[in-house]
C-alpha atoms as a PDB file:
ATOM      1  CA  MET A   1     130.487 125.079 168.810  1.00  0.00           C
ATOM      2  CA  ARG A   2     134.235 125.694 168.969  1.00  0.00           C
ATOM      3  CA  LEU A   3     136.625 124.416 166.320  1.00  0.00           C
ATOM      4  CA  LEU A   4     139.025 121.925 167.895  1.00  0.00           C
ATOM      5  CA  PHE A   5     141.332 121.612 164.905  1.00  0.00           C
ATOM      6  CA  GLU A   6     141.298 121.081 161.145  1.00  0.00           C
ATOM      7  CA  LEU A   7     142.542 118.112 159.156  1.00  0.00           C
ATOM      8  CA  ASP A   8     143.199 119.193 155.574  1.00  0.00           C
ATOM      9  CA  LYS A   9     145.246 116.856 153.393  1.00  0.00           C
ATOM     10  CA  LYS A  10     145.255 119.349 150.481  1.00  0.00           C
ATOM     11  CA  ASP A  11     145.252 116.407 148.084  1.00  0.00           C
ATOM     12  CA  TYR A  12     142.156 117.362 146.109  1.00  0.00           C
ATOM     13  CA  SER A  13     143.277 120.094 143.689  1.00  0.00           C
ATOM     14  CA  GLU A  14     142.290 117.998 140.687  1.00  0.00           C
ATOM     15  CA  CYS A  15     138.905 116.929 142.041  1.00  0.00           C
ATOM     16  CA  THR A  16     135.864 118.347 140.271  1.00  0.00           C
ATOM     17  CA  ARG A  17     133.144 117.899 142.881  1.00  0.00           C
ATOM     18  CA  SER A  18     132.689 117.634 146.624  1.00  0.00           C
ATOM     19  CA  PHE A  19     130.753 115.369 148.939  1.00  0.00           C
ATOM     20  CA  VAL A  20     129.622 116.582 152.367  1.00  0.00           C
ATOM     21  CA  ARG A  21     128.588 114.328 155.228  1.00  0.00           C
ATOM     22  CA  ASN A  22     128.816 115.558 158.796  1.00  0.00           C
ATOM     23  CA  SER A  23     128.903 113.311 161.840  1.00  0.00           C
ATOM     24  CA  ALA A  24     128.068 113.344 165.557  1.00  0.00           C
ATOM     25  CA  ARG A  25     130.181 111.516 168.136  1.00  0.00           C
ATOM     26  CA  SER A  26     129.785 110.881 171.849  1.00  0.00           C
ATOM     27  CA  ILE A  27     132.365 111.381 174.583  1.00  0.00           C
ATOM     28  CA  LEU A  28     131.411 109.121 177.483  1.00  0.00           C
ATOM     29  CA  ILE A  29     133.868 109.218 180.386  1.00  0.00           C
ATOM     30  CA  ARG A  30     133.461 107.055 183.480  1.00  0.00           C
ATOM     31  CA  ASP A  31     135.914 106.566 186.328  1.00  0.00           C
ATOM     32  CA  GLY A  32     138.885 107.807 184.311  1.00  0.00           C
ATOM     33  CA  ARG A  33     138.099 105.606 181.309  1.00  0.00           C
ATOM     34  CA  ILE A  34     136.356 106.406 178.070  1.00  0.00           C
ATOM     35  CA  ALA A  35     133.821 104.444 176.026  1.00  0.00           C
ATOM     36  CA  MET A  36     135.331 103.680 172.626  1.00  0.00           C
ATOM     37  CA  ILE A  37     134.475 101.424 169.728  1.00  0.00           C
ATOM     38  CA  HIS A  38     137.343  99.002 169.117  1.00  0.00           C
ATOM     39  CA  SER A  39     137.695  97.432 165.690  1.00  0.00           C
ATOM     40  CA  ARG A  40     139.024  94.026 166.593  1.00  0.00           C
ATOM     41  CA  LYS A  41     139.854  93.341 162.939  1.00  0.00           C
ATOM     42  CA  TYR A  42     142.015  96.443 162.332  1.00  0.00           C
ATOM     43  CA  ASP A  43     142.880  97.269 165.959  1.00  0.00           C
ATOM     44  CA  TYR A  44     141.936 100.949 166.100  1.00  0.00           C
ATOM     45  CA  TYR A  45     139.679 102.935 168.435  1.00  0.00           C
ATOM     46  CA  LYS A  46     136.958 105.397 167.479  1.00  0.00           C
ATOM     47  CA  PHE A  47     134.387 107.435 169.377  1.00  0.00           C
ATOM     48  CA  PRO A  48     130.834 106.027 169.198  1.00  0.00           C
ATOM     49  CA  GLY A  49     128.919 107.890 166.521  1.00  0.00           C
ATOM     50  CA  GLY A  50     128.555 108.332 162.801  1.00  0.00           C
ATOM     51  CA  GLY A  51     127.010 110.174 159.926  1.00  0.00           C
ATOM     52  CA  ILE A  52     124.067 112.535 160.323  1.00  0.00           C
ATOM     53  CA  GLU A  53     121.184 111.520 158.076  1.00  0.00           C
ATOM     54  CA  PRO A  54     119.419 114.246 156.018  1.00  0.00           C
ATOM     55  CA  GLU A  55     116.302 114.149 158.185  1.00  0.00           C
ATOM     56  CA  GLU A  56     118.199 114.163 161.501  1.00  0.00           C
ATOM     57  CA  THR A  57     119.600 116.760 163.828  1.00  0.00           C
ATOM     58  CA  ALA A  58     123.116 116.253 165.147  1.00  0.00           C
ATOM     59  CA  LEU A  59     121.775 115.277 168.581  1.00  0.00           C
ATOM     60  CA  GLU A  60     119.338 112.768 167.099  1.00  0.00           C
ATOM     61  CA  ALA A  61     122.187 111.200 165.136  1.00  0.00           C
ATOM     62  CA  LEU A  62     124.375 111.146 168.251  1.00  0.00           C
ATOM     63  CA  ILE A  63     121.754 109.237 170.244  1.00  0.00           C
ATOM     64  CA  ARG A  64     120.932 106.831 167.397  1.00  0.00           C
ATOM     65  CA  GLU A  65     124.524 106.074 166.396  1.00  0.00           C
ATOM     66  CA  THR A  66     125.707 105.592 169.973  1.00  0.00           C
ATOM     67  CA  ARG A  67     122.910 103.145 170.597  1.00  0.00           C
ATOM     68  CA  GLU A  68     123.544 101.228 167.371  1.00  0.00           C
ATOM     69  CA  GLU A  69     127.337 101.041 167.577  1.00  0.00           C
ATOM     70  CA  ALA A  70     127.864 100.835 171.325  1.00  0.00           C
ATOM     71  CA  GLY A  71     124.536  99.695 172.740  1.00  0.00           C
ATOM     72  CA  LEU A  72     124.576 102.722 175.046  1.00  0.00           C
ATOM     73  CA  LEU A  73     121.482 104.845 175.691  1.00  0.00           C
ATOM     74  CA  VAL A  74     122.573 108.471 175.867  1.00  0.00           C
ATOM     75  CA  ILE A  75     120.643 110.558 178.407  1.00  0.00           C
ATOM     76  CA  PRO A  76     119.469 113.554 176.347  1.00  0.00           C
ATOM     77  CA  GLU A  77     119.573 115.977 179.280  1.00  0.00           C
ATOM     78  CA  SER A  78     123.277 115.230 179.808  1.00  0.00           C
ATOM     79  CA  ILE A  79     124.473 116.237 176.336  1.00  0.00           C
ATOM     80  CA  ARG A  80     126.918 119.156 176.208  1.00  0.00           C
ATOM     81  CA  GLU A  81     128.867 120.528 173.234  1.00  0.00           C
ATOM     82  CA  TYR A  82     132.607 119.832 173.240  1.00  0.00           C
ATOM     83  CA  GLY A  83     133.824 120.922 169.822  1.00  0.00           C
ATOM     84  CA  TYR A  84     134.115 119.939 166.185  1.00  0.00           C
ATOM     85  CA  VAL A  85     136.867 118.813 163.824  1.00  0.00           C
ATOM     86  CA  HIS A  86     136.808 120.062 160.237  1.00  0.00           C
ATOM     87  CA  ARG A  87     138.109 117.465 157.810  1.00  0.00           C
ATOM     88  CA  ILE A  88     138.878 117.852 154.082  1.00  0.00           C
ATOM     89  CA  GLN A  89     140.537 115.257 151.871  1.00  0.00           C
ATOM     90  CA  LYS A  90     140.323 113.441 148.585  1.00  0.00           C
ATOM     91  CA  SER A  91     137.688 110.723 148.591  1.00  0.00           C
ATOM     92  CA  THR A  92     138.911 107.169 149.004  1.00  0.00           C
ATOM     93  CA  TYR A  93     136.069 105.965 146.784  1.00  0.00           C
ATOM     94  CA  ASP A  94     136.046 108.395 143.836  1.00  0.00           C
ATOM     95  CA  GLU A  95     139.113 110.015 142.270  1.00  0.00           C
ATOM     96  CA  ALA A  96     137.100 113.025 141.062  1.00  0.00           C
ATOM     97  CA  GLU A  97     135.545 113.781 144.422  1.00  0.00           C
ATOM     98  CA  TYR A  98     136.777 115.364 147.637  1.00  0.00           C
ATOM     99  CA  PHE A  99     135.238 114.806 151.035  1.00  0.00           C
ATOM    100  CA  ILE A 100     134.223 117.526 153.505  1.00  0.00           C
ATOM    101  CA  GLN A 101     133.097 116.670 157.008  1.00  0.00           C
ATOM    102  CA  ASP A 102     132.449 118.469 160.277  1.00  0.00           C
ATOM    103  CA  ASN A 103     132.725 115.968 163.120  1.00  0.00           C
ATOM    104  CA  PHE A 104     130.693 117.213 166.108  1.00  0.00           C
ATOM    105  CA  TYR A 105     131.774 115.856 169.499  1.00  0.00           C
ATOM    106  CA  TYR A 106     129.462 115.925 172.511  1.00  0.00           C
ATOM    107  CA  LEU A 107     130.139 115.201 176.159  1.00  0.00           C
ATOM    108  CA  CYS A 108     127.347 113.079 177.630  1.00  0.00           C
ATOM    109  CA  THR A 109     126.408 110.274 179.967  1.00  0.00           C
ATOM    110  CA  ALA A 110     124.473 107.080 179.272  1.00  0.00           C
ATOM    111  CA  GLU A 111     122.071 104.792 181.065  1.00  0.00           C
ATOM    112  CA  ASP A 112     123.734 102.207 183.311  1.00  0.00           C
ATOM    113  CA  THR A 113     122.248  99.221 181.495  1.00  0.00           C
ATOM    114  CA  PRO A 114     123.366  98.742 177.872  1.00  0.00           C
ATOM    115  CA  VAL A 115     121.256  97.263 175.081  1.00  0.00           C
ATOM    116  CA  ALA A 116     122.183  95.085 172.122  1.00  0.00           C
ATOM    117  CA  GLN A 117     124.269  96.621 169.357  1.00  0.00           C
ATOM    118  CA  LYS A 118     122.724  97.063 165.933  1.00  0.00           C
ATOM    119  CA  LEU A 119     125.679  96.921 163.547  1.00  0.00           C
ATOM    120  CA  ASP A 120     125.573  97.247 159.776  1.00  0.00           C
ATOM    121  CA  ASP A 121     127.548  94.885 157.517  1.00  0.00           C
ATOM    122  CA  TYR A 122     130.881  96.708 157.546  1.00  0.00           C
ATOM    123  CA  GLU A 123     130.733  97.281 161.310  1.00  0.00           C
ATOM    124  CA  SER A 124     130.054  93.592 161.887  1.00  0.00           C
ATOM    125  CA  GLU A 125     132.846  92.651 159.493  1.00  0.00           C
ATOM    126  CA  GLU A 126     135.249  94.862 161.475  1.00  0.00           C
ATOM    127  CA  ARG A 127     133.956  93.320 164.718  1.00  0.00           C
ATOM    128  CA  PHE A 128     133.040  96.587 166.442  1.00  0.00           C
ATOM    129  CA  THR A 129     133.158  96.125 170.216  1.00  0.00           C
ATOM    130  CA  LEU A 130     132.383  98.572 173.012  1.00  0.00           C
ATOM    131  CA  VAL A 131     135.271  98.929 175.464  1.00  0.00           C
ATOM    132  CA  TYR A 132     136.047 101.257 178.351  1.00  0.00           C
ATOM    133  CA  THR A 133     139.723 102.011 177.950  1.00  0.00           C
ATOM    134  CA  THR A 134     142.264 104.564 179.045  1.00  0.00           C
ATOM    135  CA  PRO A 135     142.820 107.387 176.560  1.00  0.00           C
ATOM    136  CA  GLU A 136     146.548 106.583 176.541  1.00  0.00           C
ATOM    137  CA  GLU A 137     145.911 103.023 175.382  1.00  0.00           C
ATOM    138  CA  ALA A 138     143.584 104.171 172.586  1.00  0.00           C
ATOM    139  CA  ILE A 139     146.105 106.799 171.415  1.00  0.00           C
ATOM    140  CA  ARG A 140     148.969 104.290 171.490  1.00  0.00           C
ATOM    141  CA  SER A 141     147.037 101.726 169.495  1.00  0.00           C
ATOM    142  CA  ASN A 142     145.847 104.257 166.904  1.00  0.00           C
ATOM    143  CA  ARG A 143     149.348 105.619 166.321  1.00  0.00           C
ATOM    144  CA  THR A 144     151.619 102.590 166.551  1.00  0.00           C
ATOM    145  CA  LYS A 145     149.739  99.577 165.232  1.00  0.00           C
ATOM    146  CA  PRO A 146     148.975  98.679 161.600  1.00  0.00           C
ATOM    147  CA  HIS A 147     145.341  99.237 160.633  1.00  0.00           C
ATOM    148  CA  GLY A 148     145.168  97.689 157.198  1.00  0.00           C
ATOM    149  CA  PRO A 149     143.137  99.673 154.650  1.00  0.00           C
ATOM    150  CA  LYS A 150     141.526 102.013 157.200  1.00  0.00           C
ATOM    151  CA  ASP A 151     141.851 105.755 156.607  1.00  0.00           C
ATOM    152  CA  PRO A 152     144.740 107.052 158.755  1.00  0.00           C
ATOM    153  CA  VAL A 153     143.227 110.566 158.874  1.00  0.00           C
ATOM    154  CA  MET A 154     140.136 109.287 160.679  1.00  0.00           C
ATOM    155  CA  ILE A 155     142.250 107.272 163.129  1.00  0.00           C
ATOM    156  CA  GLU A 156     144.558 110.228 163.837  1.00  0.00           C
ATOM    157  CA  ARG A 157     141.538 112.484 164.364  1.00  0.00           C
ATOM    158  CA  GLU A 158     140.358 110.327 167.244  1.00  0.00           C
ATOM    159  CA  ALA A 159     143.829 110.280 168.805  1.00  0.00           C
ATOM    160  CA  ARG A 160     144.056 114.083 168.693  1.00  0.00           C
ATOM    161  CA  VAL A 161     140.620 114.516 170.295  1.00  0.00           C
ATOM    162  CA  LEU A 162     141.692 112.167 173.074  1.00  0.00           C
ATOM    163  CA  GLU A 163     144.828 114.250 173.611  1.00  0.00           C
ATOM    164  CA  LEU A 164     142.697 117.372 173.946  1.00  0.00           C
ATOM    165  CA  LEU A 165     140.478 115.686 176.502  1.00  0.00           C
ATOM    166  CA  ILE A 166     143.552 114.735 178.528  1.00  0.00           C
ATOM    167  CA  SER A 167     145.047 118.231 178.316  1.00  0.00           C
ATOM    168  CA  GLU A 168     141.779 119.817 179.456  1.00  0.00           C
ATOM    169  CA  GLY A 169     141.593 117.633 182.550  1.00  0.00           C
ATOM    170  CA  CYS A 170     138.567 115.601 181.500  1.00  0.00           C
ATOM    171  CA  PHE A 171     139.952 112.414 183.061  1.00  0.00           C
ATOM    172  CA  GLN A 172     140.710 113.931 186.460  1.00  0.00           C
ATOM    173  CA  PRO A 173     138.724 112.472 189.398  1.00  0.00           C
ATOM    174  CA  ASP A 174     136.948 115.759 190.156  1.00  0.00           C
ATOM    175  CA  TRP A 175     136.069 116.567 186.537  1.00  0.00           C
ATOM    176  CA  THR A 176     132.392 117.015 185.602  1.00  0.00           C
ATOM    177  CA  ILE A 177     130.705 117.686 182.273  1.00  0.00           C
ATOM    178  CA  PRO A 178     130.735 121.443 181.586  1.00  0.00           C
ATOM    179  CA  GLY A 179     127.316 122.847 182.318  1.00  0.00           C
ATOM    180  CA  SER A 180     126.545 120.209 184.940  1.00  0.00           C
ATOM    181  CA  ASP A 181     126.815 122.633 187.816  1.00  0.00           C
ATOM    182  CA  PRO A 182     126.878 121.482 191.437  1.00  0.00           C
ATOM    183  CA  VAL A 183     123.447 120.345 192.579  1.00  0.00           C
ATOM    184  CA  PRO A 184     121.508 123.470 193.587  1.00  0.00           C
ATOM    185  CA  ALA A 185     119.696 123.645 196.902  1.00  0.00           C
ATOM    186  CA  PHE A 186     116.044 123.935 196.011  1.00  0.00           C
ATOM    187  CA  GLU A 187     113.534 125.151 198.548  1.00  0.00           C
ATOM    188  CA  ILE A 188     111.703 122.089 199.863  1.00  0.00           C
ATOM    189  CA  LYS A 189     108.757 122.928 202.101  1.00  0.00           C
ATOM    190  CA  PRO A 190     105.337 121.595 203.111  1.00  0.00           C
ATOM    191  CA  ALA A 191     102.471 122.837 200.967  1.00  0.00           C
ATOM    192  CA  GLU A 192     100.899 125.848 202.623  1.00  0.00           C
ATOM    193  CA  THR A 193      98.609 127.911 200.416  1.00  0.00           C
ATOM    194  CA  ASP A 194      95.108 126.929 199.347  1.00  0.00           C
ATOM    195  CA  ASN A 195      96.419 126.297 195.863  1.00  0.00           C
ATOM    196  CA  GLU A 196      99.191 124.020 197.131  1.00  0.00           C
ATOM    197  CA  LYS A 197      97.386 122.173 199.899  1.00  0.00           C
ATOM    198  CA  ARG A 198      94.360 119.971 199.264  1.00  0.00           C
ATOM    199  CA  GLY A 199      92.557 117.883 201.870  1.00  0.00           C
ATOM    200  CA  LYS A 200      92.192 115.098 199.321  1.00  0.00           C
ATOM    201  CA  ALA A 201      94.554 114.561 196.401  1.00  0.00           C
ATOM    202  CA  TYR A 202      94.651 111.937 193.682  1.00  0.00           C
ATOM    203  CA  VAL A 203      97.521 109.752 192.655  1.00  0.00           C
ATOM    204  CA  HIS A 204      97.246 110.421 188.959  1.00  0.00           C
ATOM    205  CA  TRP A 205      98.098 113.299 186.690  1.00  0.00           C
ATOM    206  CA  LYS A 206      94.695 114.925 186.322  1.00  0.00           C
ATOM    207  CA  ALA A 207      94.534 115.838 189.988  1.00  0.00           C
ATOM    208  CA  TRP A 208      98.071 117.213 189.930  1.00  0.00           C
ATOM    209  CA  HIS A 209      97.095 119.349 186.983  1.00  0.00           C
ATOM    210  CA  GLU A 210      94.154 120.726 188.946  1.00  0.00           C
ATOM    211  CA  ALA A 211      96.410 121.561 191.898  1.00  0.00           C
ATOM    212  CA  TYR A 212      99.211 122.974 189.742  1.00  0.00           C
ATOM    213  CA  PRO A 213      97.868 124.080 186.338  1.00  0.00           C
ATOM    214  CA  GLY A 214     100.347 123.782 183.521  1.00  0.00           C
ATOM    215  CA  LEU A 215     102.671 121.197 185.059  1.00  0.00           C
ATOM    216  CA  ILE A 216     101.260 118.176 183.216  1.00  0.00           C
ATOM    217  CA  ARG A 217     101.053 117.826 179.455  1.00  0.00           C
ATOM    218  CA  GLN A 218      97.531 117.858 178.041  1.00  0.00           C
ATOM    219  CA  ASP A 219      97.996 114.600 176.122  1.00  0.00           C
ATOM    220  CA  TYR A 220      98.587 112.861 179.461  1.00  0.00           C
ATOM    221  CA  LEU A 221      95.425 114.348 180.890  1.00  0.00           C
ATOM    222  CA  ASP A 222      93.331 113.072 178.023  1.00  0.00           C
ATOM    223  CA  ARG A 223      94.165 109.477 178.958  1.00  0.00           C
ATOM    224  CA  ILE A 224      92.344 109.446 182.265  1.00  0.00           C
ATOM    225  CA  THR A 225      89.047 110.772 183.592  1.00  0.00           C
ATOM    226  CA  LEU A 226      88.418 112.382 186.965  1.00  0.00           C
ATOM    227  CA  GLU A 227      85.972 109.593 187.787  1.00  0.00           C
ATOM    228  CA  GLN A 228      88.741 107.050 187.333  1.00  0.00           C
ATOM    229  CA  CYS A 229      91.007 109.120 189.575  1.00  0.00           C
ATOM    230  CA  GLU A 230      88.419 109.157 192.334  1.00  0.00           C
ATOM    231  CA  LYS A 231      88.399 105.383 192.461  1.00  0.00           C
ATOM    232  CA  ILE A 232      91.922 105.348 193.860  1.00  0.00           C
ATOM    233  CA  ALA A 233      91.808 108.470 195.986  1.00  0.00           C
ATOM    234  CA  PHE A 234      93.298 108.536 199.437  1.00  0.00           C
ATOM    235  CA  THR A 235      93.882 111.133 202.098  1.00  0.00           C
ATOM    236  CA  TRP A 236      97.190 112.978 202.046  1.00  0.00           C
ATOM    237  CA  THR A 237      96.447 115.070 205.161  1.00  0.00           C
ATOM    238  CA  ASP A 238      99.553 117.297 205.399  1.00  0.00           C
ATOM    239  CA  ASN A 239     101.929 114.979 203.569  1.00  0.00           C
ATOM    240  CA  LEU A 240     102.525 117.061 200.471  1.00  0.00           C
ATOM    241  CA  LEU A 241     105.972 118.597 199.911  1.00  0.00           C
ATOM    242  CA  VAL A 242     106.761 121.035 197.118  1.00  0.00           C
ATOM    243  CA  ALA A 243     110.081 122.054 195.569  1.00  0.00           C
ATOM    244  CA  LYS A 244     110.480 125.654 194.488  1.00  0.00           C
ATOM    245  CA  ASP A 245     113.074 127.418 192.391  1.00  0.00           C
ATOM    246  CA  HIS A 246     112.988 131.153 193.118  1.00  0.00           C
ATOM    247  CA  GLY A 247     109.343 130.862 194.126  1.00  0.00           C
ATOM    248  CA  ARG A 248     108.245 128.741 191.166  1.00  0.00           C
ATOM    249  CA  VAL A 249     106.767 125.326 191.951  1.00  0.00           C
ATOM    250  CA  ILE A 250     108.898 122.848 189.979  1.00  0.00           C
ATOM    251  CA  GLY A 251     107.865 119.574 191.575  1.00  0.00           C
ATOM    252  CA  PHE A 252     106.211 117.874 194.483  1.00  0.00           C
ATOM    253  CA  VAL A 253     105.993 114.592 196.335  1.00  0.00           C
ATOM    254  CA  GLY A 254     102.900 113.305 198.072  1.00  0.00           C
ATOM    255  CA  TYR A 255     102.754 110.383 200.448  1.00  0.00           C
ATOM    256  CA  GLY A 256      99.980 109.034 202.591  1.00  0.00           C
ATOM    257  CA  THR A 257      98.546 106.191 204.582  1.00  0.00           C
ATOM    258  CA  ARG A 258      96.814 103.253 202.958  1.00  0.00           C
ATOM    259  CA  ASP A 259      93.359 103.981 201.579  1.00  0.00           C
ATOM    260  CA  GLU A 260      90.976 101.733 203.516  1.00  0.00           C
ATOM    261  CA  ARG A 261      88.773 101.343 200.425  1.00  0.00           C
ATOM    262  CA  HIS A 262      91.720 100.100 198.379  1.00  0.00           C
ATOM    263  CA  PRO A 263      94.157  98.331 200.715  1.00  0.00           C
ATOM    264  CA  GLU A 264      96.069  96.845 197.788  1.00  0.00           C
ATOM    265  CA  ILE A 265      97.532 100.251 196.995  1.00  0.00           C
ATOM    266  CA  GLY A 266      99.674 100.414 200.123  1.00  0.00           C
ATOM    267  CA  GLU A 267     101.561 103.539 201.092  1.00  0.00           C
ATOM    268  CA  VAL A 268     101.958 105.479 197.893  1.00  0.00           C
ATOM    269  CA  PHE A 269     104.388 108.109 196.757  1.00  0.00           C
ATOM    270  CA  ALA A 270     103.389 110.425 193.936  1.00  0.00           C
ATOM    271  CA  LEU A 271     106.579 112.128 192.758  1.00  0.00           C
ATOM    272  CA  TYR A 272     106.641 114.670 189.965  1.00  0.00           C
ATOM    273  CA  VAL A 273     109.310 117.100 188.722  1.00  0.00           C
ATOM    274  CA  LEU A 274     109.148 119.358 185.693  1.00  0.00           C
ATOM    275  CA  SER A 275     111.159 117.944 182.788  1.00  0.00           C
ATOM    276  CA  ASP A 276     113.208 121.167 182.684  1.00  0.00           C
ATOM    277  CA  TYR A 277     114.636 120.119 186.054  1.00  0.00           C
ATOM    278  CA  TYR A 278     115.619 116.546 185.200  1.00  0.00           C
ATOM    279  CA  GLY A 279     119.168 115.933 186.345  1.00  0.00           C
ATOM    280  CA  THR A 280     119.279 118.949 188.671  1.00  0.00           C
ATOM    281  CA  GLY A 281     118.808 117.044 191.922  1.00  0.00           C
ATOM    282  CA  ALA A 282     115.290 118.345 192.600  1.00  0.00           C
ATOM    283  CA  ALA A 283     113.788 114.842 192.652  1.00  0.00           C
ATOM    284  CA  ARG A 284     116.570 113.585 194.922  1.00  0.00           C
ATOM    285  CA  GLN A 285     116.010 116.402 197.389  1.00  0.00           C
ATOM    286  CA  LEU A 286     112.248 115.884 197.400  1.00  0.00           C
ATOM    287  CA  MET A 287     112.662 112.162 197.992  1.00  0.00           C
ATOM    288  CA  ALA A 288     115.204 112.697 200.757  1.00  0.00           C
ATOM    289  CA  ALA A 289     112.865 115.145 202.525  1.00  0.00           C
ATOM    290  CA  ALA A 290     109.939 112.723 202.293  1.00  0.00           C
ATOM    291  CA  LEU A 291     111.985 109.787 203.575  1.00  0.00           C
ATOM    292  CA  GLU A 292     113.256 111.909 206.444  1.00  0.00           C
ATOM    293  CA  GLN A 293     109.673 112.465 207.594  1.00  0.00           C
ATOM    294  CA  LEU A 294     108.855 108.771 207.203  1.00  0.00           C
ATOM    295  CA  SER A 295     112.018 107.423 208.810  1.00  0.00           C
ATOM    296  CA  GLY A 296     110.134 105.958 211.778  1.00  0.00           C
ATOM    297  CA  ARG A 297     107.911 103.679 209.694  1.00  0.00           C
ATOM    298  CA  ASP A 298     108.632  99.980 209.444  1.00  0.00           C
ATOM    299  CA  ARG A 299     107.554  99.653 205.831  1.00  0.00           C
ATOM    300  CA  ILE A 300     107.373 102.137 202.958  1.00  0.00           C
ATOM    301  CA  CYS A 301     106.145 101.075 199.540  1.00  0.00           C
ATOM    302  CA  LEU A 302     105.527 102.775 196.234  1.00  0.00           C
ATOM    303  CA  TRP A 303     104.339 101.744 192.796  1.00  0.00           C
ATOM    304  CA  THR A 304     105.871 102.652 189.457  1.00  0.00           C
ATOM    305  CA  LEU A 305     105.411 101.471 185.890  1.00  0.00           C
ATOM    306  CA  ARG A 306     107.266  98.221 185.356  1.00  0.00           C
ATOM    307  CA  GLU A 307     108.674  99.367 181.994  1.00  0.00           C
ATOM    308  CA  ASN A 308     109.936 102.706 183.321  1.00  0.00           C
ATOM    309  CA  ARG A 309     113.532 101.632 183.857  1.00  0.00           C
ATOM    310  CA  ARG A 310     114.735 105.136 184.600  1.00  0.00           C
ATOM    311  CA  ALA A 311     112.224 105.561 187.425  1.00  0.00           C
ATOM    312  CA  ILE A 312     113.079 102.141 188.843  1.00  0.00           C
ATOM    313  CA  ARG A 313     116.798 102.947 188.840  1.00  0.00           C
ATOM    314  CA  PHE A 314     116.087 106.263 190.562  1.00  0.00           C
ATOM    315  CA  TYR A 315     114.056 104.598 193.313  1.00  0.00           C
ATOM    316  CA  GLU A 316     116.701 101.893 193.725  1.00  0.00           C
ATOM    317  CA  LYS A 317     119.275 104.622 194.388  1.00  0.00           C
ATOM    318  CA  CYS A 318     116.896 105.968 197.024  1.00  0.00           C
ATOM    319  CA  GLY A 319     116.976 102.614 198.815  1.00  0.00           C
ATOM    320  CA  PHE A 320     113.907 100.908 197.305  1.00  0.00           C
ATOM    321  CA  PHE A 321     113.903  97.605 195.475  1.00  0.00           C
ATOM    322  CA  PRO A 322     111.298  95.802 193.342  1.00  0.00           C
ATOM    323  CA  ASP A 323     109.702  93.204 195.582  1.00  0.00           C
ATOM    324  CA  GLY A 324     108.172  91.171 192.762  1.00  0.00           C
ATOM    325  CA  GLU A 325     104.540  92.192 193.215  1.00  0.00           C
ATOM    326  CA  THR A 326     102.779  93.727 190.231  1.00  0.00           C
ATOM    327  CA  LYS A 327      99.275  94.942 189.455  1.00  0.00           C
ATOM    328  CA  ASP A 328      97.445  96.070 186.360  1.00  0.00           C
ATOM    329  CA  ASN A 329      96.648  99.760 186.118  1.00  0.00           C
ATOM    330  CA  PRO A 330      93.652 100.015 183.758  1.00  0.00           C
ATOM    331  CA  ASN A 331      93.757 103.795 183.902  1.00  0.00           C
ATOM    332  CA  LEU A 332      97.157 103.824 182.203  1.00  0.00           C
ATOM    333  CA  ASN A 333      96.831 100.517 180.322  1.00  0.00           C
ATOM    334  CA  ALA A 334     100.048  99.439 182.006  1.00  0.00           C
ATOM    335  CA  VAL A 335     101.499  97.132 184.629  1.00  0.00           C
ATOM    336  CA  GLU A 336     102.892  98.631 187.825  1.00  0.00           C
ATOM    337  CA  ILE A 337     105.516  97.114 190.087  1.00  0.00           C
ATOM    338  CA  ARG A 338     105.749  97.628 193.833  1.00  0.00           C
ATOM    339  CA  MET A 339     109.017  98.798 195.331  1.00  0.00           C
ATOM    340  CA  THR A 340     109.787  98.544 199.039  1.00  0.00           C
ATOM    341  CA  LEU A 341     112.360 100.514 201.024  1.00  0.00           C
ATOM    342  CA  ARG A 342     115.275  98.405 202.160  1.00  0.00           C
ATOM    343  CA  LYS A 343     115.082  98.301 205.932  1.00  0.00           C
ATOM    344  CA  GLU A 344     118.822  98.536 206.341  1.00  0.00           C
ATOM    345  CA  LYS A 345     118.685 101.966 204.685  1.00  0.00           C
ATOM    346  CA  THR A 346     116.019 103.517 206.887  1.00  0.00           C
ATOM    347  CA  GLY A 347     117.066 106.368 209.108  1.00  0.00           C
ATOM    348  CA  SER A 348     118.226 109.855 208.203  1.00  0.00           C
ATOM    349  CA  SER A 349     117.896 111.277 204.719  1.00  0.00           C
ATOM    350  CA  SER A 350     121.607 110.860 204.139  1.00  0.00           C
ATOM    351  CA  GLU A 351     121.194 107.142 204.727  1.00  0.00           C
ATOM    352  CA  THR A 352     117.918 106.575 202.924  1.00  0.00           C
ATOM    353  CA  CYS A 353     118.613 108.459 199.725  1.00  0.00           C
ATOM    354  CA  ARG A 354     122.072 107.596 198.528  1.00  0.00           C
ATOM    355  CA  ILE A 355     122.184 109.082 195.039  1.00  0.00           C
END
């Protein structure tokens, strides 16, 4: 990771020992504004984040601290290195000790829906509040307002990082996180070979594993038997699309008509993409291709786990909405919720899959 700058007060020549505690901090930019923690007691702004515990990695600390301080759930796949600030100064707590800290900053995005903060005593006493502010406002406040007993080096550090973000164009409308390349065009095609095409497929993971060995983790497979899969089988006919990246199968979507033996299932999608391809657009392209082929149908439904908020948000962006109906899935020991395509969004793939 690149060094952004160093803050060295050179006030520790008489100290006899050092104390090291590194930190991880998140840079979350949305619509030209940045997520910051505002201390309403001392009126300064800081990036969400904090100290890395001995048993943690920097990324684990980043995710934990951002959730606790800001109530934001960082998407792990979105995390990109930005840079670090090296800080050295005399301790404010012990005259004989000097403090060394590398502050690691990461560009990332977070889930749309926040959760409750989990503040410790000093954070609550300072009235930490998540705000989306302009970088200019945060810099102005950090540099011009009184902040009581708070360490001015820490407050200046945040202002200088914000200045770097501005100078590097991170708040421009067309800016994207480095490493988040434009969505690639994956090859989406109907299954053709004997290995890809099966006259009868099963909704659950074991059958997908049989069709595409190695795609599903073994611990998932152990949770369900083939006999259980067969109870909810239905005919896919030719409705199985695969996504390929340079010839490698990376995901697939299956869709079919209602199984007459189990009419409660409805028309079911089975969508799967390798975790390595999360965030690449493969799932969006698969879903758009499937909806294009189904655009003439009056009603399209799918089921997903009720607690899988990420999946529900994805399907909502594709034009589906939870219609309130749920059913127990004994195979997964879970409750599923039915989602139905909004009729006003049926039509071409560009209309049905707005992501």
